[in-house]
N, C-alpha and C. Protein backbone atom coordinates (compact mmCIF):
# COMPACT_ATOMS: atom_id res chain seq x y z
N UNK A 1 116.23 -122.29 60.38
CA UNK A 1 115.54 -121.10 60.48
C UNK A 1 114.15 -122.20 61.30
N UNK A 2 113.96 -121.84 62.44
CA UNK A 2 112.64 -122.61 63.20
C UNK A 2 111.59 -122.10 62.97
N UNK A 3 110.53 -122.91 62.82
CA UNK A 3 109.01 -122.85 62.40
C UNK A 3 108.56 -121.99 62.74
N UNK A 4 108.45 -121.08 63.89
CA UNK A 4 108.27 -119.74 64.06
C UNK A 4 108.45 -118.55 63.41
N UNK A 5 109.35 -118.61 63.15
CA UNK A 5 109.98 -117.78 61.95
C UNK A 5 110.15 -117.92 60.45
N UNK A 6 109.65 -119.17 60.49
CA UNK A 6 109.23 -119.41 59.00
C UNK A 6 107.76 -119.07 58.86
N UNK A 7 107.08 -119.27 59.74
CA UNK A 7 105.58 -118.82 59.69
C UNK A 7 105.46 -117.87 59.62
N UNK A 8 106.32 -116.71 60.33
CA UNK A 8 106.19 -115.04 60.25
C UNK A 8 106.72 -114.91 58.99
N UNK A 9 107.48 -115.48 58.36
CA UNK A 9 108.18 -114.94 57.14
C UNK A 9 106.76 -115.35 56.04
N UNK A 10 106.22 -116.51 56.04
CA UNK A 10 105.13 -116.74 55.09
C UNK A 10 104.35 -115.88 55.44
N UNK A 11 103.90 -115.43 56.19
CA UNK A 11 102.45 -114.55 56.66
C UNK A 11 103.19 -113.04 55.99
N UNK A 12 104.20 -112.75 56.12
CA UNK A 12 104.84 -111.34 55.77
C UNK A 12 104.58 -111.48 54.10
N UNK A 13 105.33 -112.38 53.60
CA UNK A 13 105.25 -112.36 52.27
C UNK A 13 103.99 -112.50 51.60
N UNK A 14 102.97 -113.35 52.31
CA UNK A 14 101.72 -113.44 51.65
C UNK A 14 101.22 -112.03 51.78
N UNK A 15 100.90 -111.30 52.95
CA UNK A 15 100.69 -110.09 53.00
C UNK A 15 101.17 -109.03 51.86
N UNK A 16 102.57 -109.16 51.66
CA UNK A 16 103.03 -108.13 50.65
C UNK A 16 102.60 -108.84 49.55
N UNK A 17 102.28 -109.62 49.00
CA UNK A 17 101.95 -110.30 47.45
C UNK A 17 100.35 -109.65 47.65
N UNK A 18 99.67 -109.87 48.64
CA UNK A 18 98.49 -109.60 48.28
C UNK A 18 98.35 -107.96 48.18
N UNK A 19 98.81 -107.34 48.89
CA UNK A 19 98.80 -105.93 48.64
C UNK A 19 99.20 -105.39 47.37
N UNK A 20 100.52 -106.07 46.73
CA UNK A 20 100.96 -106.12 45.34
C UNK A 20 100.02 -106.31 44.59
N UNK A 21 99.35 -107.30 44.38
CA UNK A 21 98.19 -108.11 43.79
C UNK A 21 97.10 -107.17 43.59
N UNK A 22 96.58 -106.43 44.76
CA UNK A 22 95.47 -105.53 44.78
C UNK A 22 95.90 -104.24 44.11
N UNK A 23 97.07 -103.81 44.26
CA UNK A 23 97.24 -102.65 43.57
C UNK A 23 97.31 -102.96 41.80
N UNK A 24 97.86 -104.32 41.21
CA UNK A 24 97.83 -104.39 40.07
C UNK A 24 96.31 -104.58 39.50
N UNK A 25 95.59 -104.98 40.48
CA UNK A 25 94.31 -105.38 39.96
C UNK A 25 93.41 -103.98 39.88
N UNK A 26 93.98 -102.97 40.79
CA UNK A 26 93.15 -101.77 40.73
C UNK A 26 93.36 -100.88 39.61
N UNK A 27 94.45 -101.25 38.86
CA UNK A 27 94.68 -100.74 37.77
C UNK A 27 96.04 -99.99 37.86
N UNK A 28 96.70 -100.01 38.94
CA UNK A 28 98.20 -99.62 39.13
C UNK A 28 99.32 -100.37 38.39
N UNK A 29 99.38 -100.47 37.06
CA UNK A 29 100.17 -101.73 36.58
C UNK A 29 101.55 -101.13 36.36
N UNK A 30 102.08 -100.26 37.09
CA UNK A 30 103.51 -99.91 37.02
C UNK A 30 104.56 -101.07 37.12
N UNK A 31 105.40 -100.98 36.72
CA UNK A 31 106.55 -102.16 36.57
C UNK A 31 106.87 -102.52 38.13
N UNK A 32 107.29 -101.53 39.00
CA UNK A 32 107.57 -101.67 40.31
C UNK A 32 106.45 -102.55 41.18
N UNK A 33 105.21 -102.59 40.90
CA UNK A 33 104.32 -103.45 41.45
C UNK A 33 104.45 -104.67 41.17
N UNK A 34 104.71 -104.92 39.54
CA UNK A 34 104.79 -106.13 38.93
C UNK A 34 105.68 -107.02 39.62
N UNK A 35 106.97 -106.38 39.51
CA UNK A 35 108.18 -106.57 39.75
C UNK A 35 108.11 -107.33 41.27
N UNK A 36 107.57 -106.13 42.13
CA UNK A 36 107.51 -106.57 43.59
C UNK A 36 106.52 -107.92 44.01
N UNK A 37 105.22 -108.00 43.29
CA UNK A 37 104.53 -109.14 43.38
C UNK A 37 105.43 -110.14 43.01
N UNK A 38 105.91 -110.27 41.47
CA UNK A 38 106.85 -111.48 41.03
C UNK A 38 107.83 -111.88 42.34
N UNK A 39 108.57 -111.07 42.78
CA UNK A 39 109.71 -111.15 43.63
C UNK A 39 109.17 -111.86 45.03
N UNK A 40 107.98 -111.58 45.36
CA UNK A 40 107.52 -112.21 46.74
C UNK A 40 106.75 -113.66 46.17
N UNK A 41 106.52 -113.56 45.07
CA UNK A 41 105.93 -115.02 44.60
C UNK A 41 107.05 -116.07 44.60
N UNK A 42 108.02 -115.59 43.92
CA UNK A 42 109.11 -116.27 43.84
C UNK A 42 109.84 -116.80 45.04
N UNK A 43 109.96 -115.91 46.14
CA UNK A 43 110.22 -116.20 47.24
C UNK A 43 109.75 -117.25 48.13
N UNK A 44 108.20 -117.05 47.98
CA UNK A 44 107.18 -118.21 48.75
C UNK A 44 107.62 -119.38 48.01
N UNK A 45 107.58 -119.66 46.55
CA UNK A 45 107.87 -120.97 46.18
C UNK A 45 109.24 -121.34 46.32
N UNK A 46 110.45 -120.67 46.78
CA UNK A 46 111.70 -120.73 46.91
C UNK A 46 111.92 -121.44 48.27
N UNK A 47 111.39 -120.69 49.09
CA UNK A 47 110.94 -121.16 50.51
C UNK A 47 110.34 -122.32 50.81
N UNK A 48 109.22 -122.48 50.18
CA UNK A 48 108.32 -124.06 50.12
C UNK A 48 109.25 -125.21 49.65
N UNK A 49 110.03 -124.94 48.31
CA UNK A 49 110.54 -125.95 47.99
C UNK A 49 112.12 -126.27 48.86
N UNK A 50 112.51 -125.14 49.28
CA UNK A 50 113.88 -125.75 50.21
C UNK A 50 113.08 -126.23 51.20
N UNK A 51 112.32 -126.05 51.93
CA UNK A 51 112.04 -126.59 53.37
C UNK A 51 111.69 -127.88 52.61
N UNK A 52 110.78 -128.43 51.69
CA UNK A 52 110.49 -129.68 51.31
C UNK A 52 111.50 -130.59 50.80
N UNK A 53 112.58 -130.03 50.30
CA UNK A 53 114.09 -130.79 50.23
C UNK A 53 114.73 -131.03 51.35
N UNK A 54 114.93 -130.02 52.15
CA UNK A 54 115.42 -130.00 53.48
C UNK A 54 114.89 -131.11 54.03
N UNK A 55 113.54 -131.23 54.41
CA UNK A 55 112.98 -132.36 55.21
C UNK A 55 113.02 -133.60 54.46
N UNK A 56 113.15 -134.04 52.97
CA UNK A 56 113.04 -134.97 52.54
C UNK A 56 114.64 -135.61 53.03
N UNK A 57 115.25 -134.88 52.68
CA UNK A 57 116.95 -135.00 53.27
C UNK A 57 117.12 -135.48 54.62
N UNK A 58 116.44 -134.87 55.35
CA UNK A 58 116.51 -135.20 56.82
C UNK A 58 115.81 -136.44 56.95
N UNK A 59 114.59 -136.65 56.42
CA UNK A 59 114.01 -138.07 56.74
C UNK A 59 114.81 -139.24 56.04
N UNK A 60 115.59 -138.68 54.71
CA UNK A 60 116.08 -140.22 54.02
C UNK A 60 117.55 -140.31 54.86
N UNK A 61 118.11 -139.34 55.86
CA UNK A 61 119.57 -139.76 56.29
C UNK A 61 118.75 -140.35 57.86
N UNK A 62 117.53 -140.08 58.37
CA UNK A 62 117.09 -140.95 59.33
C UNK A 62 116.87 -142.44 59.04
N UNK A 63 116.31 -142.74 57.83
CA UNK A 63 115.83 -144.09 57.66
C UNK A 63 117.40 -144.64 57.32
N UNK A 64 118.55 -144.46 57.06
CA UNK A 64 119.60 -144.70 56.77
C UNK A 64 120.38 -145.08 57.93
N UNK A 65 120.10 -144.66 58.92
CA UNK A 65 120.94 -144.96 60.40
C UNK A 65 119.87 -145.77 60.89
């Protein structure tokens, strides 16, 4: 994934997480909203971790050369 698409992904995931978070804060605590908020947060954490590991491996490979 290039940086432009990753930024778009982060923006969309953040907006969705904020939307579901506001639904929960307003008192609509159905399992759907809680599940969708959790999934959005998990995907954000996963993509940040994945890109950090990928960047670290890339920098280690560059140093080894």
